[in-house]
PDB file of N, CA and C in Angstrom:
ATOM      1  N   MET A   1       0.814  -1.195   0.000  1.00  0.00           N
ATOM      2  CA  MET A   1       0.000   0.000   0.000  1.00  0.00           C
ATOM      3  C   MET A   1       0.862   1.266   0.000  1.00  0.00           C
ATOM      4  N   ASP A   2       1.986   1.202   0.685  1.00  0.00           N
ATOM      5  CA  ASP A   2       2.874   2.371   0.737  1.00  0.00           C
ATOM      6  C   ASP A   2       3.351   2.775  -0.648  1.00  0.00           C
ATOM      7  N   GLN A   3       3.521   1.809  -1.550  1.00  0.00           N
ATOM      8  CA  GLN A   3       4.050   2.097  -2.876  1.00  0.00           C
ATOM      9  C   GLN A   3       3.054   2.810  -3.781  1.00  0.00           C
ATOM     10  N   VAL A   4       1.779   2.783  -3.468  1.00  0.00           N
ATOM     11  CA  VAL A   4       0.791   3.452  -4.310  1.00  0.00           C
ATOM     12  C   VAL A   4       0.264   4.749  -3.705  1.00  0.00           C
ATOM     13  N   GLN A   5       0.711   5.098  -2.510  1.00  0.00           N
ATOM     14  CA  GLN A   5       0.200   6.291  -1.814  1.00  0.00           C
ATOM     15  C   GLN A   5       0.289   7.556  -2.675  1.00  0.00           C
ATOM     16  N   HIS A   6       1.462   7.815  -3.267  1.00  0.00           N
ATOM     17  CA  HIS A   6       1.652   9.065  -4.007  1.00  0.00           C
ATOM     18  C   HIS A   6       0.812   9.116  -5.285  1.00  0.00           C
ATOM     19  N   SER A   7       0.798   8.009  -6.045  1.00  0.00           N
ATOM     20  CA  SER A   7       0.012   8.015  -7.277  1.00  0.00           C
ATOM     21  C   SER A   7      -1.483   8.088  -6.976  1.00  0.00           C
ATOM     22  N   GLU A   8      -1.936   7.404  -5.943  1.00  0.00           N
ATOM     23  CA  GLU A   8      -3.359   7.478  -5.577  1.00  0.00           C
ATOM     24  C   GLU A   8      -3.721   8.876  -5.071  1.00  0.00           C
ATOM     25  N   GLY A   9      -2.809   9.505  -4.340  1.00  0.00           N
ATOM     26  CA  GLY A   9      -3.046  10.879  -3.890  1.00  0.00           C
ATOM     27  C   GLY A   9      -3.198  11.827  -5.065  1.00  0.00           C
ATOM     28  N   LEU A  10      -2.384  11.632  -6.106  1.00  0.00           N
ATOM     29  CA  LEU A  10      -2.488  12.459  -7.312  1.00  0.00           C
ATOM     30  C   LEU A  10      -3.825  12.231  -8.005  1.00  0.00           C
ATOM     31  N   CYS A  11      -4.218  10.970  -8.133  1.00  0.00           N
ATOM     32  CA  CYS A  11      -5.514  10.663  -8.760  1.00  0.00           C
ATOM     33  C   CYS A  11      -6.669  11.248  -7.955  1.00  0.00           C
ATOM     34  N   ASN A  12      -6.592  11.161  -6.635  1.00  0.00           N
ATOM     35  CA  ASN A  12      -7.633  11.751  -5.784  1.00  0.00           C
ATOM     36  C   ASN A  12      -7.728  13.258  -6.009  1.00  0.00           C
ATOM     37  N   ALA A  13      -6.582  13.933  -6.078  1.00  0.00           N
ATOM     38  CA  ALA A  13      -6.566  15.394  -6.264  1.00  0.00           C
ATOM     39  C   ALA A  13      -7.134  15.778  -7.622  1.00  0.00           C
ATOM     40  N   ILE A  14      -6.800  15.023  -8.654  1.00  0.00           N
ATOM     41  CA  ILE A  14      -7.340  15.317  -9.990  1.00  0.00           C
ATOM     42  C   ILE A  14      -8.845  15.142  -9.996  1.00  0.00           C
ATOM     43  N   MET A  15      -9.338  14.070  -9.385  1.00  0.00           N
ATOM     44  CA  MET A  15     -10.789  13.856  -9.342  1.00  0.00           C
ATOM     45  C   MET A  15     -11.482  14.964  -8.548  1.00  0.00           C
ATOM     46  N   ALA A  16     -10.867  15.419  -7.475  1.00  0.00           N
ATOM     47  CA  ALA A  16     -11.457  16.511  -6.687  1.00  0.00           C
ATOM     48  C   ALA A  16     -11.575  17.780  -7.525  1.00  0.00           C
ATOM     49  N   LEU A  17     -10.635  17.986  -8.440  1.00  0.00           N
ATOM     50  CA  LEU A  17     -10.672  19.185  -9.302  1.00  0.00           C
ATOM     51  C   LEU A  17     -11.682  19.066 -10.434  1.00  0.00           C
ATOM     52  N   ILE A  18     -11.719  17.905 -11.110  1.00  0.00           N
ATOM     53  CA  ILE A  18     -12.566  17.802 -12.296  1.00  0.00           C
ATOM     54  C   ILE A  18     -13.998  17.401 -11.982  1.00  0.00           C
ATOM     55  N   SER A  19     -14.214  16.746 -10.845  1.00  0.00           N
ATOM     56  CA  SER A  19     -15.564  16.328 -10.487  1.00  0.00           C
ATOM     57  C   SER A  19     -15.706  16.252  -8.965  1.00  0.00           C
ATOM     58  N   PRO A  20     -15.857  17.412  -8.319  1.00  0.00           N
ATOM     59  CA  PRO A  20     -15.933  17.429  -6.852  1.00  0.00           C
ATOM     60  C   PRO A  20     -17.028  16.533  -6.275  1.00  0.00           C
ATOM     61  N   GLU A  21     -18.186  16.467  -6.944  1.00  0.00           N
ATOM     62  CA  GLU A  21     -19.277  15.630  -6.424  1.00  0.00           C
ATOM     63  C   GLU A  21     -18.917  14.147  -6.482  1.00  0.00           C
ATOM     64  N   LEU A  22     -18.277  13.733  -7.572  1.00  0.00           N
ATOM     65  CA  LEU A  22     -17.858  12.341  -7.691  1.00  0.00           C
ATOM     66  C   LEU A  22     -16.767  12.023  -6.673  1.00  0.00           C
ATOM     67  N   TYR A  23     -15.852  12.955  -6.453  1.00  0.00           N
ATOM     68  CA  TYR A  23     -14.814  12.780  -5.437  1.00  0.00           C
ATOM     69  C   TYR A  23     -15.457  12.595  -4.058  1.00  0.00           C
ATOM     70  N   ASP A  24     -16.404  13.475  -3.714  1.00  0.00           N
ATOM     71  CA  ASP A  24     -17.070  13.380  -2.409  1.00  0.00           C
ATOM     72  C   ASP A  24     -17.807  12.052  -2.246  1.00  0.00           C
ATOM     73  N   SER A  25     -18.458  11.593  -3.310  1.00  0.00           N
ATOM     74  CA  SER A  25     -19.175  10.317  -3.248  1.00  0.00           C
ATOM     75  C   SER A  25     -18.207   9.161  -3.030  1.00  0.00           C
ATOM     76  N   GLY A  26     -17.085   9.183  -3.749  1.00  0.00           N
ATOM     77  CA  GLY A  26     -16.082   8.139  -3.581  1.00  0.00           C
ATOM     78  C   GLY A  26     -15.497   8.134  -2.182  1.00  0.00           C
ATOM     79  N   LEU A  27     -15.221   9.325  -1.663  1.00  0.00           N
ATOM     80  CA  LEU A  27     -14.659   9.452  -0.320  1.00  0.00           C
ATOM     81  C   LEU A  27     -15.628   8.903   0.726  1.00  0.00           C
ATOM     82  N   LYS A  28     -16.915   9.230   0.585  1.00  0.00           N
ATOM     83  CA  LYS A  28     -17.921   8.725   1.531  1.00  0.00           C
ATOM     84  C   LYS A  28     -18.031   7.205   1.469  1.00  0.00           C
ATOM     85  N   ALA A  29     -17.980   6.654   0.251  1.00  0.00           N
ATOM     86  CA  ALA A  29     -18.069   5.201   0.098  1.00  0.00           C
ATOM     87  C   ALA A  29     -16.879   4.508   0.756  1.00  0.00           C
ATOM     88  N   ILE A  30     -15.679   5.035   0.537  1.00  0.00           N
ATOM     89  CA  ILE A  30     -14.484   4.436   1.137  1.00  0.00           C
ATOM     90  C   ILE A  30     -14.529   4.558   2.660  1.00  0.00           C
ATOM     91  N   GLU A  31     -15.023   5.679   3.172  1.00  0.00           N
ATOM     92  CA  GLU A  31     -15.143   5.837   4.630  1.00  0.00           C
ATOM     93  C   GLU A  31     -16.087   4.784   5.213  1.00  0.00           C
ATOM     94  N   LEU A  32     -17.203   4.500   4.526  1.00  0.00           N
ATOM     95  CA  LEU A  32     -18.134   3.465   4.996  1.00  0.00           C
ATOM     96  C   LEU A  32     -17.472   2.095   4.999  1.00  0.00           C
ATOM     97  N   ILE A  33     -16.706   1.807   3.959  1.00  0.00           N
ATOM     98  CA  ILE A  33     -16.007   0.523   3.889  1.00  0.00           C
ATOM     99  C   ILE A  33     -14.989   0.418   5.025  1.00  0.00           C
ATOM    100  N   LYS A  34     -14.251   1.482   5.289  1.00  0.00           N
ATOM    101  CA  LYS A  34     -13.258   1.459   6.371  1.00  0.00           C
ATOM    102  C   LYS A  34     -13.919   1.288   7.738  1.00  0.00           C
ATOM    103  N   GLN A  35     -15.178   1.726   7.856  1.00  0.00           N
ATOM    104  CA  GLN A  35     -15.918   1.559   9.107  1.00  0.00           C
ATOM    105  C   GLN A  35     -16.536   0.165   9.207  1.00  0.00           C
ATOM    106  N   GLY A  36     -16.364  -0.645   8.167  1.00  0.00           N
ATOM    107  CA  GLY A  36     -16.903  -1.997   8.173  1.00  0.00           C
ATOM    108  C   GLY A  36     -18.318  -2.089   7.633  1.00  0.00           C
ATOM    109  N   GLN A  37     -18.854  -0.982   7.144  1.00  0.00           N
ATOM    110  CA  GLN A  37     -20.188  -0.991   6.553  1.00  0.00           C
ATOM    111  C   GLN A  37     -20.049  -1.229   5.051  1.00  0.00           C
ATOM    112  N   GLU A  38     -21.111  -1.672   4.426  1.00  0.00           N
ATOM    113  CA  GLU A  38     -21.139  -1.865   2.978  1.00  0.00           C
ATOM    114  C   GLU A  38     -20.061  -2.827   2.496  1.00  0.00           C
ATOM    115  N   ILE A  39     -19.660  -3.753   3.344  1.00  0.00           N
ATOM    116  CA  ILE A  39     -18.653  -4.731   2.951  1.00  0.00           C
ATOM    117  C   ILE A  39     -19.017  -6.071   3.594  1.00  0.00           C
ATOM    118  N   VAL A  40     -18.955  -7.126   2.807  1.00  0.00           N
ATOM    119  CA  VAL A  40     -19.344  -8.447   3.301  1.00  0.00           C
ATOM    120  C   VAL A  40     -18.226  -9.065   4.121  1.00  0.00           C
ATOM    121  N   LYS A  41     -17.007  -8.989   3.619  1.00  0.00           N
ATOM    122  CA  LYS A  41     -15.879  -9.632   4.291  1.00  0.00           C
ATOM    123  C   LYS A  41     -14.752  -8.613   4.464  1.00  0.00           C
ATOM    124  N   PRO A  42     -14.378  -8.288   5.680  1.00  0.00           N
ATOM    125  CA  PRO A  42     -13.290  -7.329   5.895  1.00  0.00           C
ATOM    126  C   PRO A  42     -11.971  -7.836   5.300  1.00  0.00           C
ATOM    127  N   HIS A  43     -11.165  -6.906   4.857  1.00  0.00           N
ATOM    128  CA  HIS A  43      -9.843  -7.222   4.316  1.00  0.00           C
ATOM    129  C   HIS A  43      -8.794  -6.592   5.223  1.00  0.00           C
ATOM    130  N   PRO A  44      -7.673  -7.268   5.460  1.00  0.00           N
ATOM    131  CA  PRO A  44      -6.679  -6.735   6.393  1.00  0.00           C
ATOM    132  C   PRO A  44      -6.083  -5.387   5.984  1.00  0.00           C
ATOM    133  N   HIS A  45      -6.172  -5.037   4.709  1.00  0.00           N
ATOM    134  CA  HIS A  45      -5.580  -3.778   4.250  1.00  0.00           C
ATOM    135  C   HIS A  45      -6.603  -2.660   4.039  1.00  0.00           C
ATOM    136  N   GLN A  46      -7.855  -2.890   4.371  1.00  0.00           N
ATOM    137  CA  GLN A  46      -8.866  -1.880   4.047  1.00  0.00           C
ATOM    138  C   GLN A  46      -8.637  -0.548   4.761  1.00  0.00           C
ATOM    139  N   GLN A  47      -8.039  -0.545   5.939  1.00  0.00           N
ATOM    140  CA  GLN A  47      -7.772   0.715   6.645  1.00  0.00           C
ATOM    141  C   GLN A  47      -6.659   1.514   5.982  1.00  0.00           C
ATOM    142  N   GLN A  48      -5.807   0.852   5.211  1.00  0.00           N
ATOM    143  CA  GLN A  48      -4.685   1.522   4.563  1.00  0.00           C
ATOM    144  C   GLN A  48      -5.022   2.003   3.155  1.00  0.00           C
ATOM    145  N   TRP A  49      -6.195   1.672   2.649  1.00  0.00           N
ATOM    146  CA  TRP A  49      -6.559   2.003   1.265  1.00  0.00           C
ATOM    147  C   TRP A  49      -6.505   3.512   1.062  1.00  0.00           C
ATOM    148  N   PRO A  50      -5.663   4.012   0.129  1.00  0.00           N
ATOM    149  CA  PRO A  50      -5.442   5.449  -0.013  1.00  0.00           C
ATOM    150  C   PRO A  50      -6.332   6.150  -1.036  1.00  0.00           C
ATOM    151  N   SER A  51      -7.173   5.422  -1.718  1.00  0.00           N
ATOM    152  CA  SER A  51      -7.880   5.977  -2.873  1.00  0.00           C
ATOM    153  C   SER A  51      -9.358   6.220  -2.596  1.00  0.00           C
ATOM    154  N   ILE A  52      -9.940   7.133  -3.376  1.00  0.00           N
ATOM    155  CA  ILE A  52     -11.394   7.312  -3.337  1.00  0.00           C
ATOM    156  C   ILE A  52     -12.075   6.298  -4.237  1.00  0.00           C
ATOM    157  N   PHE A  53     -11.283   5.582  -5.029  1.00  0.00           N
ATOM    158  CA  PHE A  53     -11.809   4.554  -5.921  1.00  0.00           C
ATOM    159  C   PHE A  53     -11.799   3.216  -5.188  1.00  0.00           C
ATOM    160  N   ILE A  54     -12.761   2.364  -5.484  1.00  0.00           N
ATOM    161  CA  ILE A  54     -12.803   1.072  -4.811  1.00  0.00           C
ATOM    162  C   ILE A  54     -11.903   0.050  -5.489  1.00  0.00           C
ATOM    163  N   ALA A  55     -11.378   0.392  -6.665  1.00  0.00           N
ATOM    164  CA  ALA A  55     -10.505  -0.530  -7.378  1.00  0.00           C
ATOM    165  C   ALA A  55      -9.594   0.267  -8.305  1.00  0.00           C
ATOM    166  N   SER A  56      -8.506  -0.365  -8.697  1.00  0.00           N
ATOM    167  CA  SER A  56      -7.650   0.211  -9.724  1.00  0.00           C
ATOM    168  C   SER A  56      -7.141  -0.927 -10.589  1.00  0.00           C
ATOM    169  N   GLN A  57      -6.817  -0.599 -11.813  1.00  0.00           N
ATOM    170  CA  GLN A  57      -6.351  -1.597 -12.757  1.00  0.00           C
ATOM    171  C   GLN A  57      -4.993  -1.156 -13.268  1.00  0.00           C
ATOM    172  N   VAL A  58      -4.085  -2.096 -13.363  1.00  0.00           N
ATOM    173  CA  VAL A  58      -2.746  -1.804 -13.842  1.00  0.00           C
ATOM    174  C   VAL A  58      -2.525  -2.572 -15.134  1.00  0.00           C
ATOM    175  N   ILE A  59      -2.124  -1.849 -16.172  1.00  0.00           N
ATOM    176  CA  ILE A  59      -1.768  -2.467 -17.441  1.00  0.00           C
ATOM    177  C   ILE A  59      -0.279  -2.218 -17.626  1.00  0.00           C
ATOM    178  N   VAL A  60       0.486  -3.275 -17.720  1.00  0.00           N
ATOM    179  CA  VAL A  60       1.934  -3.158 -17.784  1.00  0.00           C
ATOM    180  C   VAL A  60       2.426  -3.622 -19.153  1.00  0.00           C
ATOM    181  N   ASN A  61       3.160  -2.724 -19.824  1.00  0.00           N
ATOM    182  CA  ASN A  61       3.772  -3.072 -21.109  1.00  0.00           C
ATOM    183  C   ASN A  61       2.786  -3.803 -22.019  1.00  0.00           C
ATOM    184  N   ARG A  62       1.663  -3.186 -22.257  1.00  0.00           N
ATOM    185  CA  ARG A  62       0.608  -3.893 -22.954  1.00  0.00           C
ATOM    186  C   ARG A  62      -0.053  -3.019 -23.998  1.00  0.00           C
ATOM    187  N   VAL A  63      -0.406  -3.631 -25.097  1.00  0.00           N
ATOM    188  CA  VAL A  63      -1.228  -2.987 -26.110  1.00  0.00           C
ATOM    189  C   VAL A  63      -2.621  -3.583 -25.959  1.00  0.00           C
ATOM    190  N   THR A  64      -3.599  -2.743 -25.765  1.00  0.00           N
ATOM    191  CA  THR A  64      -4.963  -3.240 -25.627  1.00  0.00           C
ATOM    192  C   THR A  64      -5.748  -2.878 -26.878  1.00  0.00           C
ATOM    193  N   PRO A  65      -6.589  -3.777 -27.359  1.00  0.00           N
ATOM    194  CA  PRO A  65      -7.399  -3.449 -28.533  1.00  0.00           C
ATOM    195  C   PRO A  65      -8.423  -2.374 -28.179  1.00  0.00           C
ATOM    196  N   PRO A  66      -8.880  -1.616 -29.182  1.00  0.00           N
ATOM    197  CA  PRO A  66      -9.921  -0.622 -28.895  1.00  0.00           C
ATOM    198  C   PRO A  66     -11.104  -1.295 -28.207  1.00  0.00           C
ATOM    199  N   HIS A  67     -11.634  -0.656 -27.197  1.00  0.00           N
ATOM    200  CA  HIS A  67     -12.742  -1.232 -26.446  1.00  0.00           C
ATOM    201  C   HIS A  67     -13.532  -0.133 -25.752  1.00  0.00           C
ATOM    202  N   ARG A  68     -14.702  -0.485 -25.298  1.00  0.00           N
ATOM    203  CA  ARG A  68     -15.530   0.410 -24.488  1.00  0.00           C
ATOM    204  C   ARG A  68     -15.744  -0.283 -23.157  1.00  0.00           C
ATOM    205  N   ASP A  69     -15.364   0.392 -22.087  1.00  0.00           N
ATOM    206  CA  ASP A  69     -15.586  -0.172 -20.759  1.00  0.00           C
ATOM    207  C   ASP A  69     -17.078  -0.211 -20.493  1.00  0.00           C
ATOM    208  N   SER A  70     -17.592  -1.399 -20.212  1.00  0.00           N
ATOM    209  CA  SER A  70     -19.038  -1.530 -20.020  1.00  0.00           C
ATOM    210  C   SER A  70     -19.452  -1.348 -18.563  1.00  0.00           C
ATOM    211  N   GLY A  71     -18.503  -1.397 -17.631  1.00  0.00           N
ATOM    212  CA  GLY A  71     -18.833  -1.266 -16.215  1.00  0.00           C
ATOM    213  C   GLY A  71     -18.899   0.189 -15.791  1.00  0.00           C
ATOM    214  N   GLY A  72     -19.545   0.414 -14.692  1.00  0.00           N
ATOM    215  CA  GLY A  72     -19.598   1.766 -14.147  1.00  0.00           C
ATOM    216  C   GLY A  72     -20.633   2.649 -14.823  1.00  0.00           C
ATOM    217  N   CYS A  73     -20.688   3.838 -14.348  1.00  0.00           N
ATOM    218  CA  CYS A  73     -21.657   4.816 -14.846  1.00  0.00           C
ATOM    219  C   CYS A  73     -21.077   5.563 -16.052  1.00  0.00           C
ATOM    220  N   PRO A  74     -21.824   5.676 -17.152  1.00  0.00           N
ATOM    221  CA  PRO A  74     -21.277   6.326 -18.347  1.00  0.00           C
ATOM    222  C   PRO A  74     -20.957   7.805 -18.161  1.00  0.00           C
ATOM    223  N   THR A  75     -21.470   8.447 -17.133  1.00  0.00           N
ATOM    224  CA  THR A  75     -21.153   9.864 -16.932  1.00  0.00           C
ATOM    225  C   THR A  75     -19.952  10.065 -16.020  1.00  0.00           C
ATOM    226  N   HIS A  76     -19.332   8.980 -15.566  1.00  0.00           N
ATOM    227  CA  HIS A  76     -18.157   9.084 -14.707  1.00  0.00           C
ATOM    228  C   HIS A  76     -16.881   9.065 -15.534  1.00  0.00           C
ATOM    229  N   TYR A  77     -15.754   9.148 -14.879  1.00  0.00           N
ATOM    230  CA  TYR A  77     -14.466   9.244 -15.541  1.00  0.00           C
ATOM    231  C   TYR A  77     -13.589   8.041 -15.232  1.00  0.00           C
ATOM    232  N   ASP A  78     -12.683   7.747 -16.159  1.00  0.00           N
ATOM    233  CA  ASP A  78     -11.557   6.870 -15.897  1.00  0.00           C
ATOM    234  C   ASP A  78     -10.343   7.771 -15.810  1.00  0.00           C
ATOM    235  N   LEU A  79      -9.483   7.538 -14.853  1.00  0.00           N
ATOM    236  CA  LEU A  79      -8.223   8.266 -14.779  1.00  0.00           C
ATOM    237  C   LEU A  79      -7.148   7.370 -15.361  1.00  0.00           C
ATOM    238  N   ILE A  80      -6.317   7.944 -16.201  1.00  0.00           N
ATOM    239  CA  ILE A  80      -5.245   7.208 -16.847  1.00  0.00           C
ATOM    240  C   ILE A  80      -3.930   7.825 -16.410  1.00  0.00           C
ATOM    241  N   MET A  81      -3.039   6.972 -15.932  1.00  0.00           N
ATOM    242  CA  MET A  81      -1.743   7.468 -15.469  1.00  0.00           C
ATOM    243  C   MET A  81      -0.638   6.684 -16.155  1.00  0.00           C
ATOM    244  N   SER A  82       0.370   7.396 -16.596  1.00  0.00           N
ATOM    245  CA  SER A  82       1.556   6.777 -17.168  1.00  0.00           C
ATOM    246  C   SER A  82       2.685   6.966 -16.166  1.00  0.00           C
ATOM    247  N   ALA A  83       3.235   5.868 -15.679  1.00  0.00           N
ATOM    248  CA  ALA A  83       4.311   5.946 -14.689  1.00  0.00           C
ATOM    249  C   ALA A  83       5.251   4.780 -14.886  1.00  0.00           C
ATOM    250  N   GLY A  84       6.468   4.937 -14.449  1.00  0.00           N
ATOM    251  CA  GLY A  84       7.438   3.855 -14.552  1.00  0.00           C
ATOM    252  C   GLY A  84       8.697   4.302 -15.253  1.00  0.00           C
ATOM    253  N   THR A  85       9.395   3.357 -15.841  1.00  0.00           N
ATOM    254  CA  THR A  85      10.684   3.652 -16.464  1.00  0.00           C
ATOM    255  C   THR A  85      10.612   3.688 -17.982  1.00  0.00           C
ATOM    256  N   HIS A  86       9.421   3.561 -18.548  1.00  0.00           N
ATOM    257  CA  HIS A  86       9.281   3.545 -20.007  1.00  0.00           C
ATOM    258  C   HIS A  86       9.617   4.907 -20.622  1.00  0.00           C
ATOM    259  N   THR A  87       9.870   4.891 -21.919  1.00  0.00           N
ATOM    260  CA  THR A  87      10.178   6.147 -22.623  1.00  0.00           C
ATOM    261  C   THR A  87       9.120   6.492 -23.655  1.00  0.00           C
ATOM    262  N   LYS A  88       8.158   5.620 -23.876  1.00  0.00           N
ATOM    263  CA  LYS A  88       7.133   5.877 -24.885  1.00  0.00           C
ATOM    264  C   LYS A  88       5.808   5.256 -24.465  1.00  0.00           C
ATOM    265  N   ALA A  89       4.753   6.002 -24.586  1.00  0.00           N
ATOM    266  CA  ALA A  89       3.406   5.490 -24.350  1.00  0.00           C
ATOM    267  C   ALA A  89       2.456   6.251 -25.263  1.00  0.00           C
ATOM    268  N   GLU A  90       1.411   5.589 -25.692  1.00  0.00           N
ATOM    269  CA  GLU A  90       0.438   6.219 -26.579  1.00  0.00           C
ATOM    270  C   GLU A  90      -0.972   5.906 -26.108  1.00  0.00           C
ATOM    271  N   LEU A  91      -1.867   6.859 -26.346  1.00  0.00           N
ATOM    272  CA  LEU A  91      -3.289   6.672 -26.088  1.00  0.00           C
ATOM    273  C   LEU A  91      -4.022   7.026 -27.365  1.00  0.00           C
ATOM    274  N   SER A  92      -4.821   6.093 -27.863  1.00  0.00           N
ATOM    275  CA  SER A  92      -5.595   6.332 -29.075  1.00  0.00           C
ATOM    276  C   SER A  92      -7.079   6.250 -28.761  1.00  0.00           C
ATOM    277  N   VAL A  93      -7.835   7.194 -29.306  1.00  0.00           N
ATOM    278  CA  VAL A  93      -9.297   7.183 -29.199  1.00  0.00           C
ATOM    279  C   VAL A  93      -9.811   7.253 -30.637  1.00  0.00           C
ATOM    280  N   PRO A  94      -9.955   6.078 -31.286  1.00  0.00           N
ATOM    281  CA  PRO A  94     -10.311   6.045 -32.703  1.00  0.00           C
ATOM    282  C   PRO A  94     -11.596   6.783 -33.053  1.00  0.00           C
ATOM    283  N   GLU A  95     -12.612   6.737 -32.177  1.00  0.00           N
ATOM    284  CA  GLU A  95     -13.883   7.431 -32.465  1.00  0.00           C
ATOM    285  C   GLU A  95     -13.684   8.920 -32.701  1.00  0.00           C
ATOM    286  N   LEU A  96     -12.681   9.469 -32.021  1.00  0.00           N
ATOM    287  CA  LEU A  96     -12.412  10.901 -32.131  1.00  0.00           C
ATOM    288  C   LEU A  96     -11.243  11.205 -33.056  1.00  0.00           C
ATOM    289  N   GLY A  97     -10.606  10.165 -33.579  1.00  0.00           N
ATOM    290  CA  GLY A  97      -9.432  10.367 -34.416  1.00  0.00           C
ATOM    291  C   GLY A  97      -8.254  10.930 -33.626  1.00  0.00           C
ATOM    292  N   VAL A  98      -8.165  10.587 -32.351  1.00  0.00           N
ATOM    293  CA  VAL A  98      -7.122  11.127 -31.473  1.00  0.00           C
ATOM    294  C   VAL A  98      -6.069  10.055 -31.206  1.00  0.00           C
ATOM    295  N   HIS A  99      -4.814  10.438 -31.389  1.00  0.00           N
ATOM    296  CA  HIS A  99      -3.671   9.573 -31.074  1.00  0.00           C
ATOM    297  C   HIS A  99      -2.667  10.440 -30.342  1.00  0.00           C
ATOM    298  N   LEU A 100      -2.473  10.165 -29.053  1.00  0.00           N
ATOM    299  CA  LEU A 100      -1.622  10.999 -28.222  1.00  0.00           C
ATOM    300  C   LEU A 100      -0.378  10.256 -27.766  1.00  0.00           C
ATOM    301  N   SER A 101       0.748  10.944 -27.796  1.00  0.00           N
ATOM    302  CA  SER A 101       1.939  10.447 -27.129  1.00  0.00           C
ATOM    303  C   SER A 101       1.833  10.917 -25.694  1.00  0.00           C
ATOM    304  N   ILE A 102       2.020  10.010 -24.754  1.00  0.00           N
ATOM    305  CA  ILE A 102       1.843  10.347 -23.345  1.00  0.00           C
ATOM    306  C   ILE A 102       3.207  10.436 -22.684  1.00  0.00           C
ATOM    307  N   ALA A 103       3.429  11.537 -22.005  1.00  0.00           N
ATOM    308  CA  ALA A 103       4.697  11.742 -21.306  1.00  0.00           C
ATOM    309  C   ALA A 103       4.791  10.840 -20.087  1.00  0.00           C
ATOM    310  N   TRP A 104       6.003  10.513 -19.708  1.00  0.00           N
ATOM    311  CA  TRP A 104       6.260   9.740 -18.505  1.00  0.00           C
ATOM    312  C   TRP A 104       5.723  10.504 -17.310  1.00  0.00           C
ATOM    313  N   ARG A 105       5.105   9.817 -16.404  1.00  0.00           N
ATOM    314  CA  ARG A 105       4.466  10.389 -15.207  1.00  0.00           C
ATOM    315  C   ARG A 105       3.389  11.412 -15.564  1.00  0.00           C
ATOM    316  N   CYS A 106       2.581  11.055 -16.497  1.00  0.00           N
ATOM    317  CA  CYS A 106       1.479  11.906 -16.941  1.00  0.00           C
ATOM    318  C   CYS A 106       0.192  11.310 -16.392  1.00  0.00           C
ATOM    319  N   CYS A 107      -0.778  12.160 -16.148  1.00  0.00           N
ATOM    320  CA  CYS A 107      -2.057  11.680 -15.653  1.00  0.00           C
ATOM    321  C   CYS A 107      -3.158  12.475 -16.330  1.00  0.00           C
ATOM    322  N   GLY A 108      -4.252  11.827 -16.670  1.00  0.00           N
ATOM    323  CA  GLY A 108      -5.363  12.515 -17.295  1.00  0.00           C
ATOM    324  C   GLY A 108      -6.647  11.770 -17.036  1.00  0.00           C
ATOM    325  N   SER A 109      -7.732  12.303 -17.540  1.00  0.00           N
ATOM    326  CA  SER A 109      -9.017  11.641 -17.344  1.00  0.00           C
ATOM    327  C   SER A 109      -9.711  11.461 -18.674  1.00  0.00           C
ATOM    328  N   VAL A 110     -10.529  10.425 -18.749  1.00  0.00           N
ATOM    329  CA  VAL A 110     -11.318  10.148 -19.931  1.00  0.00           C
ATOM    330  C   VAL A 110     -12.758   9.948 -19.475  1.00  0.00           C
ATOM    331  N   TRP A 111     -13.651  10.673 -20.113  1.00  0.00           N
ATOM    332  CA  TRP A 111     -15.077  10.509 -19.813  1.00  0.00           C
ATOM    333  C   TRP A 111     -15.475   9.101 -20.228  1.00  0.00           C
ATOM    334  N   LYS A 112     -16.215   8.381 -19.378  1.00  0.00           N
ATOM    335  CA  LYS A 112     -16.543   6.977 -19.607  1.00  0.00           C
ATOM    336  C   LYS A 112     -17.337   6.733 -20.888  1.00  0.00           C
ATOM    337  N   GLY A 113     -17.969   7.759 -21.437  1.00  0.00           N
ATOM    338  CA  GLY A 113     -18.757   7.578 -22.639  1.00  0.00           C
ATOM    339  C   GLY A 113     -17.913   7.424 -23.897  1.00  0.00           C
ATOM    340  N   VAL A 114     -16.586   7.465 -23.789  1.00  0.00           N
ATOM    341  CA  VAL A 114     -15.703   7.406 -24.943  1.00  0.00           C
ATOM    342  C   VAL A 114     -14.897   6.113 -24.904  1.00  0.00           C
ATOM    343  N   SER A 115     -14.710   5.475 -26.043  1.00  0.00           N
ATOM    344  CA  SER A 115     -13.828   4.299 -26.112  1.00  0.00           C
ATOM    345  C   SER A 115     -12.390   4.748 -26.011  1.00  0.00           C
ATOM    346  N   ALA A 116     -11.541   3.930 -25.423  1.00  0.00           N
ATOM    347  CA  ALA A 116     -10.103   4.243 -25.370  1.00  0.00           C
ATOM    348  C   ALA A 116      -9.317   2.967 -25.535  1.00  0.00           C
TER     349      ALA A 116
END
């Protein structure tokens, strides 16, 4: 958990800026989970969870085919972060004709209604 504290803090701050209501909702949900509510089985690390998100996904050195995330609310955001020792990363959104080179240690958000 200590290794993700800084990146999760950055993601939390970005969400607080771009969608304060969504940030507040996430924070309230995580607080309930830490209090043992809204959770079926406690996890030993739940008190250390640093994020307003209930989950995170890591894609390492991977090319993913174009897709649309079907989970979650379509009006919410996905946060995308590029971190590590790589020297090149790209994000393509074919529906919009967008192909971006992503800088190392870059973070951004994508509205869930868009394929990435």
